[in-house]
């Protein structure tokens, strides 16, 4: 079964391919912990809901990624796009960024 659990938007900026993705249920929510603030804005993260496969295919092309949520982060770790050491948690919600250095 191919459930669409991920909200995702792809940007093309100055030669970069930016993937913004979050777990669907986090869209539109705000998280704060100490000085850390994270707002999962629909305008930034949402163009469509996609499957795990579509998300991972997009990550193959990404030079930059901004990821939020247990599901999205676990897929990115499993496929080697991010390392567990690069994850921060805000109110228990994982957030990671990826930059491809050429």
N, C-alpha and C. Protein backbone atom coordinates (compact mmCIF):
# COMPACT_ATOMS: atom_id res chain seq x y z
N UNK A 1 0.84 -1.19 0.00
CA UNK A 1 0.00 0.00 0.00
C UNK A 1 0.88 1.25 0.00
N UNK A 2 0.58 2.19 -0.85
CA UNK A 2 1.40 3.38 -1.01
C UNK A 2 0.65 4.59 -0.46
N UNK A 3 0.76 4.79 0.83
CA UNK A 3 0.04 5.88 1.48
C UNK A 3 0.83 7.18 1.33
N UNK A 4 0.14 8.28 1.15
CA UNK A 4 0.79 9.58 0.98
C UNK A 4 0.86 10.30 2.32
N UNK A 5 1.93 10.01 3.06
CA UNK A 5 2.11 10.52 4.41
C UNK A 5 2.95 11.78 4.46
N UNK A 6 3.49 12.20 3.33
CA UNK A 6 4.49 13.26 3.31
C UNK A 6 3.99 14.47 2.53
N UNK A 7 4.12 15.65 3.14
CA UNK A 7 3.86 16.91 2.45
C UNK A 7 5.22 17.36 1.89
N UNK A 8 5.25 17.74 0.62
CA UNK A 8 6.54 18.06 0.01
C UNK A 8 6.40 19.18 -1.02
N UNK A 9 7.46 19.96 -1.12
CA UNK A 9 7.54 21.00 -2.14
C UNK A 9 8.98 21.04 -2.63
N UNK A 10 9.15 21.20 -3.92
CA UNK A 10 10.49 21.27 -4.52
C UNK A 10 10.69 22.68 -5.09
N UNK A 11 11.84 23.24 -4.77
CA UNK A 11 12.23 24.56 -5.26
C UNK A 11 13.47 24.42 -6.13
N UNK A 12 13.56 25.25 -7.13
CA UNK A 12 14.79 25.36 -7.92
C UNK A 12 15.28 26.79 -7.76
N UNK A 13 16.41 26.94 -7.06
CA UNK A 13 16.93 28.26 -6.73
C UNK A 13 18.41 28.33 -7.06
N UNK A 14 18.77 29.23 -7.98
CA UNK A 14 20.19 29.45 -8.34
C UNK A 14 20.96 28.15 -8.53
N UNK A 15 20.41 27.25 -9.30
CA UNK A 15 21.10 26.00 -9.60
C UNK A 15 20.95 24.92 -8.53
N UNK A 16 20.31 25.24 -7.43
CA UNK A 16 20.09 24.27 -6.36
C UNK A 16 18.70 23.66 -6.50
N UNK A 17 18.57 22.40 -6.08
CA UNK A 17 17.26 21.76 -5.99
C UNK A 17 17.00 21.53 -4.50
N UNK A 18 16.01 22.25 -4.00
CA UNK A 18 15.68 22.22 -2.58
C UNK A 18 14.41 21.39 -2.37
N UNK A 19 14.51 20.39 -1.51
CA UNK A 19 13.35 19.58 -1.14
C UNK A 19 12.95 19.97 0.29
N UNK A 20 11.74 20.45 0.43
CA UNK A 20 11.16 20.74 1.74
C UNK A 20 10.10 19.67 1.97
N UNK A 21 10.24 18.89 3.04
CA UNK A 21 9.29 17.81 3.29
C UNK A 21 9.04 17.64 4.78
N UNK A 22 7.79 17.29 5.09
CA UNK A 22 7.44 17.04 6.49
C UNK A 22 6.37 15.96 6.56
N UNK A 23 6.26 15.37 7.74
CA UNK A 23 5.17 14.42 7.97
C UNK A 23 3.86 15.20 7.84
N UNK A 24 2.93 14.62 7.15
CA UNK A 24 1.66 15.27 6.81
C UNK A 24 0.97 15.91 8.02
N UNK A 25 0.96 15.22 9.14
CA UNK A 25 0.23 15.70 10.31
C UNK A 25 0.89 16.90 11.00
N UNK A 26 2.11 17.24 10.62
CA UNK A 26 2.82 18.37 11.23
C UNK A 26 2.59 19.68 10.48
N UNK A 27 2.03 19.60 9.30
CA UNK A 27 1.82 20.77 8.46
C UNK A 27 0.97 21.82 9.18
N UNK A 28 1.48 23.05 9.24
CA UNK A 28 0.76 24.15 9.87
C UNK A 28 0.98 24.28 11.37
N UNK A 29 1.81 23.43 11.95
CA UNK A 29 2.02 23.48 13.40
C UNK A 29 3.29 24.26 13.75
N UNK A 30 3.34 24.73 15.01
CA UNK A 30 4.50 25.45 15.52
C UNK A 30 5.05 24.70 16.73
N UNK A 31 6.38 24.72 16.84
CA UNK A 31 7.05 24.06 17.95
C UNK A 31 8.09 25.00 18.53
N UNK A 32 8.16 25.04 19.86
CA UNK A 32 9.14 25.89 20.54
C UNK A 32 9.72 25.12 21.72
N UNK A 33 11.01 25.28 21.88
CA UNK A 33 11.69 24.66 23.02
C UNK A 33 12.91 25.52 23.32
N UNK A 34 12.88 26.22 24.44
CA UNK A 34 13.96 27.15 24.75
C UNK A 34 14.06 28.21 23.66
N UNK A 35 15.25 28.35 23.09
CA UNK A 35 15.45 29.35 22.03
C UNK A 35 15.18 28.79 20.64
N UNK A 36 14.82 27.52 20.56
CA UNK A 36 14.55 26.91 19.25
C UNK A 36 13.09 27.08 18.89
N UNK A 37 12.86 27.52 17.66
CA UNK A 37 11.51 27.72 17.15
C UNK A 37 11.41 27.08 15.77
N UNK A 38 10.33 26.39 15.52
CA UNK A 38 10.10 25.77 14.23
C UNK A 38 8.63 25.92 13.86
N UNK A 39 8.39 26.54 12.72
CA UNK A 39 7.03 26.66 12.21
C UNK A 39 6.97 25.91 10.88
N UNK A 40 6.13 24.90 10.84
CA UNK A 40 6.01 24.05 9.65
C UNK A 40 4.94 24.69 8.75
N UNK A 41 5.37 25.73 8.04
CA UNK A 41 4.44 26.53 7.23
C UNK A 41 4.01 25.80 5.97
N UNK A 42 2.71 25.83 5.73
CA UNK A 42 2.15 25.21 4.54
C UNK A 42 2.74 25.82 3.28
N UNK A 43 2.96 27.14 3.29
CA UNK A 43 3.51 27.84 2.13
C UNK A 43 4.90 27.30 1.75
N UNK A 44 5.67 26.87 2.75
CA UNK A 44 7.03 26.39 2.49
C UNK A 44 7.08 24.89 2.20
N UNK A 45 6.35 24.10 2.96
CA UNK A 45 6.47 22.64 2.88
C UNK A 45 5.47 21.96 1.96
N UNK A 46 4.42 22.66 1.54
CA UNK A 46 3.37 21.93 0.82
C UNK A 46 3.15 22.40 -0.60
N UNK A 47 3.31 21.44 -1.50
CA UNK A 47 2.87 21.58 -2.88
C UNK A 47 1.93 20.42 -3.18
N UNK A 48 2.30 19.24 -2.62
CA UNK A 48 1.44 18.07 -2.76
C UNK A 48 1.80 17.05 -1.68
N UNK A 49 0.88 16.10 -1.48
CA UNK A 49 1.16 14.96 -0.61
C UNK A 49 1.74 13.87 -1.48
N UNK A 50 2.83 13.28 -1.02
CA UNK A 50 3.53 12.28 -1.84
C UNK A 50 3.79 11.00 -1.06
N UNK A 51 4.08 9.95 -1.80
CA UNK A 51 4.43 8.65 -1.21
C UNK A 51 5.89 8.66 -0.77
N UNK A 52 6.25 7.65 0.01
CA UNK A 52 7.64 7.47 0.41
C UNK A 52 8.54 7.38 -0.81
N UNK A 53 8.10 6.63 -1.80
CA UNK A 53 8.90 6.43 -3.02
C UNK A 53 9.15 7.75 -3.75
N UNK A 54 8.11 8.57 -3.89
CA UNK A 54 8.27 9.87 -4.56
C UNK A 54 9.21 10.77 -3.77
N UNK A 55 9.07 10.78 -2.45
CA UNK A 55 9.96 11.56 -1.60
C UNK A 55 11.41 11.12 -1.80
N UNK A 56 11.66 9.82 -1.74
CA UNK A 56 13.03 9.32 -1.88
C UNK A 56 13.59 9.57 -3.28
N UNK A 57 12.77 9.48 -4.30
CA UNK A 57 13.23 9.81 -5.66
C UNK A 57 13.60 11.29 -5.76
N UNK A 58 12.86 12.15 -5.09
CA UNK A 58 13.17 13.57 -5.08
C UNK A 58 14.47 13.85 -4.33
N UNK A 59 14.71 13.10 -3.26
CA UNK A 59 15.94 13.27 -2.48
C UNK A 59 17.18 12.91 -3.31
N UNK A 60 17.03 12.03 -4.27
CA UNK A 60 18.16 11.68 -5.15
C UNK A 60 18.64 12.88 -5.94
N UNK A 61 17.74 13.82 -6.22
CA UNK A 61 18.06 15.01 -7.01
C UNK A 61 18.41 16.23 -6.15
N UNK A 62 18.06 16.17 -4.87
CA UNK A 62 18.21 17.34 -3.99
C UNK A 62 19.66 17.70 -3.73
N UNK A 63 19.91 19.00 -3.73
CA UNK A 63 21.21 19.51 -3.28
C UNK A 63 21.07 20.10 -1.88
N UNK A 64 19.83 20.45 -1.52
CA UNK A 64 19.51 20.97 -0.19
C UNK A 64 18.17 20.34 0.21
N UNK A 65 18.04 19.99 1.49
CA UNK A 65 16.75 19.48 1.97
C UNK A 65 16.48 20.04 3.36
N UNK A 66 15.22 20.31 3.62
CA UNK A 66 14.75 20.75 4.92
C UNK A 66 13.65 19.77 5.31
N UNK A 67 13.89 18.98 6.35
CA UNK A 67 13.02 17.86 6.69
C UNK A 67 12.51 17.95 8.13
N UNK A 68 11.23 17.62 8.32
CA UNK A 68 10.63 17.67 9.65
C UNK A 68 9.73 16.45 9.85
N UNK A 69 9.91 15.76 10.98
CA UNK A 69 9.02 14.67 11.35
C UNK A 69 9.69 13.32 11.42
N UNK A 70 9.14 12.46 12.27
CA UNK A 70 9.69 11.12 12.49
C UNK A 70 9.75 10.30 11.20
N UNK A 71 8.66 10.30 10.43
CA UNK A 71 8.60 9.46 9.24
C UNK A 71 9.59 9.91 8.17
N UNK A 72 9.57 11.19 7.84
CA UNK A 72 10.46 11.74 6.82
C UNK A 72 11.92 11.55 7.22
N UNK A 73 12.23 11.87 8.47
CA UNK A 73 13.61 11.75 8.96
C UNK A 73 14.07 10.30 8.95
N UNK A 74 13.21 9.37 9.35
CA UNK A 74 13.61 7.95 9.37
C UNK A 74 13.92 7.45 7.96
N UNK A 75 13.14 7.88 6.97
CA UNK A 75 13.42 7.50 5.58
C UNK A 75 14.77 8.07 5.13
N UNK A 76 15.01 9.35 5.45
CA UNK A 76 16.26 10.00 5.04
C UNK A 76 17.47 9.35 5.71
N UNK A 77 17.34 8.93 6.96
CA UNK A 77 18.43 8.23 7.66
C UNK A 77 18.66 6.88 7.01
N UNK A 78 17.57 6.13 6.81
CA UNK A 78 17.67 4.79 6.22
C UNK A 78 18.38 4.80 4.88
N UNK A 79 18.12 5.84 4.08
CA UNK A 79 18.72 5.91 2.74
C UNK A 79 20.06 6.65 2.72
N UNK A 80 20.54 7.09 3.89
CA UNK A 80 21.86 7.69 3.99
C UNK A 80 21.95 9.17 3.63
N UNK A 81 20.82 9.86 3.56
CA UNK A 81 20.85 11.29 3.23
C UNK A 81 21.23 12.16 4.41
N UNK A 82 20.86 11.73 5.60
CA UNK A 82 21.26 12.46 6.80
C UNK A 82 21.75 11.48 7.86
N UNK A 83 22.49 12.00 8.80
CA UNK A 83 23.04 11.21 9.89
C UNK A 83 22.27 11.56 11.16
N UNK A 84 22.11 10.61 12.03
CA UNK A 84 21.37 10.86 13.28
C UNK A 84 21.98 11.99 14.10
N UNK A 85 23.28 12.21 13.98
CA UNK A 85 23.95 13.28 14.72
C UNK A 85 23.52 14.66 14.24
N UNK A 86 22.95 14.75 13.03
CA UNK A 86 22.56 16.03 12.46
C UNK A 86 21.11 16.41 12.73
N UNK A 87 20.46 15.68 13.62
CA UNK A 87 19.04 15.93 13.90
C UNK A 87 18.91 16.73 15.19
N UNK A 88 18.04 17.74 15.15
CA UNK A 88 17.68 18.42 16.40
C UNK A 88 16.21 18.09 16.67
N UNK A 89 15.84 18.14 17.93
CA UNK A 89 14.43 17.91 18.29
C UNK A 89 13.90 19.14 19.00
N UNK A 90 12.74 19.56 18.57
CA UNK A 90 12.05 20.69 19.17
C UNK A 90 10.69 20.17 19.62
N UNK A 91 10.46 20.19 20.92
CA UNK A 91 9.25 19.58 21.51
C UNK A 91 9.11 18.13 21.06
N UNK A 92 10.24 17.43 20.92
CA UNK A 92 10.23 16.03 20.53
C UNK A 92 10.10 15.78 19.03
N UNK A 93 9.94 16.84 18.23
CA UNK A 93 9.78 16.70 16.78
C UNK A 93 11.15 16.84 16.11
N UNK A 94 11.58 15.81 15.37
CA UNK A 94 12.89 15.88 14.73
C UNK A 94 12.90 16.81 13.51
N UNK A 95 14.03 17.51 13.37
CA UNK A 95 14.24 18.43 12.25
C UNK A 95 15.68 18.25 11.79
N UNK A 96 15.87 18.19 10.47
CA UNK A 96 17.22 18.07 9.93
C UNK A 96 17.31 18.81 8.61
N UNK A 97 18.51 19.24 8.30
CA UNK A 97 18.78 19.87 7.01
C UNK A 97 19.93 19.14 6.36
N UNK A 98 19.88 19.08 5.04
CA UNK A 98 20.93 18.43 4.26
C UNK A 98 21.45 19.42 3.24
N UNK A 99 22.76 19.46 3.09
CA UNK A 99 23.40 20.27 2.07
C UNK A 99 24.39 19.39 1.34
N UNK A 100 24.29 19.30 0.05
CA UNK A 100 25.22 18.52 -0.76
C UNK A 100 26.37 19.42 -1.13
N UNK A 101 27.55 19.07 -0.68
CA UNK A 101 28.74 19.86 -0.98
C UNK A 101 29.47 19.24 -2.16
N UNK A 102 29.65 20.03 -3.18
CA UNK A 102 30.33 19.54 -4.40
C UNK A 102 31.73 20.03 -4.46
